[in-house]
Amino acid sequence: MMNCKEATQLMSQELDRPLTWRERLALRLHNLMCSGCHQYRQQMAFLRRALRSRSGGD
């Protein structure tokens, strides 16, 4: 079972490279069971969208 540290590392790596199907599956299962990591991923997605909209607006 993946722990929170491994999950957050994978979420960061996901921004730089495509995850393997096993990594995606393990991350998805972890996020279904861990509300903290689920929230962390949502926050990362929000920040990514905000930065993209900001950089596109200049």
C-alpha atoms as a PDB file:
ATOM      1  CA  MET A   1       0.000   0.000   0.000  1.00  0.00           C
ATOM      2  CA  MET A   2       1.246   3.466  -0.887  1.00  0.00           C
ATOM      3  CA  ASN A   3       1.831   5.932   1.936  1.00  0.00           C
ATOM      4  CA  CYS A   4       1.148   9.687   1.829  1.00  0.00           C
ATOM      5  CA  LYS A   5       4.765  10.641   1.180  1.00  0.00           C
ATOM      6  CA  GLU A   6       4.923   8.355  -1.853  1.00  0.00           C
ATOM      7  CA  ALA A   7       1.568   9.658  -3.079  1.00  0.00           C
ATOM      8  CA  THR A   8       2.568  13.319  -2.897  1.00  0.00           C
ATOM      9  CA  GLN A   9       5.874  12.542  -4.635  1.00  0.00           C
ATOM     10  CA  LEU A  10       3.981  10.842  -7.460  1.00  0.00           C
ATOM     11  CA  MET A  11       1.603  13.795  -7.717  1.00  0.00           C
ATOM     12  CA  SER A  12       4.598  16.081  -8.178  1.00  0.00           C
ATOM     13  CA  GLN A  13       6.237  13.750 -10.686  1.00  0.00           C
ATOM     14  CA  GLU A  14       2.969  13.627 -12.613  1.00  0.00           C
ATOM     15  CA  LEU A  15       3.508  17.285 -13.532  1.00  0.00           C
ATOM     16  CA  ASP A  16       6.828  16.424 -15.213  1.00  0.00           C
ATOM     17  CA  ARG A  17       6.233  13.029 -16.760  1.00  0.00           C
ATOM     18  CA  PRO A  18       3.423  10.613 -17.585  1.00  0.00           C
ATOM     19  CA  LEU A  19       2.826   8.077 -14.836  1.00  0.00           C
ATOM     20  CA  THR A  20       2.734   4.377 -15.603  1.00  0.00           C
ATOM     21  CA  TRP A  21      -0.634   2.684 -15.385  1.00  0.00           C
ATOM     22  CA  ARG A  22       0.453   1.023 -12.127  1.00  0.00           C
ATOM     23  CA  GLU A  23       1.446   4.360 -10.623  1.00  0.00           C
ATOM     24  CA  ARG A  24      -1.861   5.916 -11.719  1.00  0.00           C
ATOM     25  CA  LEU A  25      -3.823   3.030 -10.252  1.00  0.00           C
ATOM     26  CA  ALA A  26      -1.928   3.067  -6.948  1.00  0.00           C
ATOM     27  CA  LEU A  27      -2.344   6.834  -6.704  1.00  0.00           C
ATOM     28  CA  ARG A  28      -6.050   6.654  -7.482  1.00  0.00           C
ATOM     29  CA  LEU A  29      -6.613   3.964  -4.852  1.00  0.00           C
ATOM     30  CA  HIS A  30      -4.652   5.917  -2.261  1.00  0.00           C
ATOM     31  CA  ASN A  31      -6.597   9.113  -2.994  1.00  0.00           C
ATOM     32  CA  LEU A  32      -9.895   7.255  -2.610  1.00  0.00           C
ATOM     33  CA  MET A  33      -8.904   6.237   0.906  1.00  0.00           C
ATOM     34  CA  CYS A  34      -6.943   9.301   2.023  1.00  0.00           C
ATOM     35  CA  SER A  35      -8.857  12.558   2.242  1.00  0.00           C
ATOM     36  CA  GLY A  36      -5.689  14.552   2.964  1.00  0.00           C
ATOM     37  CA  CYS A  37      -3.970  13.466  -0.236  1.00  0.00           C
ATOM     38  CA  HIS A  38      -7.198  13.865  -2.193  1.00  0.00           C
ATOM     39  CA  GLN A  39      -7.421  17.454  -0.972  1.00  0.00           C
ATOM     40  CA  TYR A  40      -3.726  18.030  -1.761  1.00  0.00           C
ATOM     41  CA  ARG A  41      -4.271  16.868  -5.342  1.00  0.00           C
ATOM     42  CA  GLN A  42      -7.273  19.166  -5.729  1.00  0.00           C
ATOM     43  CA  GLN A  43      -5.221  22.085  -4.458  1.00  0.00           C
ATOM     44  CA  MET A  44      -2.403  21.295  -6.902  1.00  0.00           C
ATOM     45  CA  ALA A  45      -4.905  21.184  -9.767  1.00  0.00           C
ATOM     46  CA  PHE A  46      -6.396  24.518  -8.699  1.00  0.00           C
ATOM     47  CA  LEU A  47      -2.961  26.154  -8.564  1.00  0.00           C
ATOM     48  CA  ARG A  48      -2.038  24.724 -11.974  1.00  0.00           C
ATOM     49  CA  ARG A  49      -5.235  26.131 -13.519  1.00  0.00           C
ATOM     50  CA  ALA A  50      -4.713  29.505 -11.842  1.00  0.00           C
ATOM     51  CA  LEU A  51      -1.130  29.758 -13.097  1.00  0.00           C
ATOM     52  CA  ARG A  52      -2.125  28.759 -16.618  1.00  0.00           C
ATOM     53  CA  SER A  53      -4.908  31.319 -16.757  1.00  0.00           C
ATOM     54  CA  ARG A  54      -2.581  33.987 -15.336  1.00  0.00           C
ATOM     55  CA  SER A  55       0.209  33.263 -17.818  1.00  0.00           C
ATOM     56  CA  GLY A  56      -2.272  33.218 -20.708  1.00  0.00           C
ATOM     57  CA  GLY A  57      -3.736  36.564 -19.635  1.00  0.00           C
ATOM     58  CA  ASP A  58      -0.483  38.549 -19.832  1.00  0.00           C
END
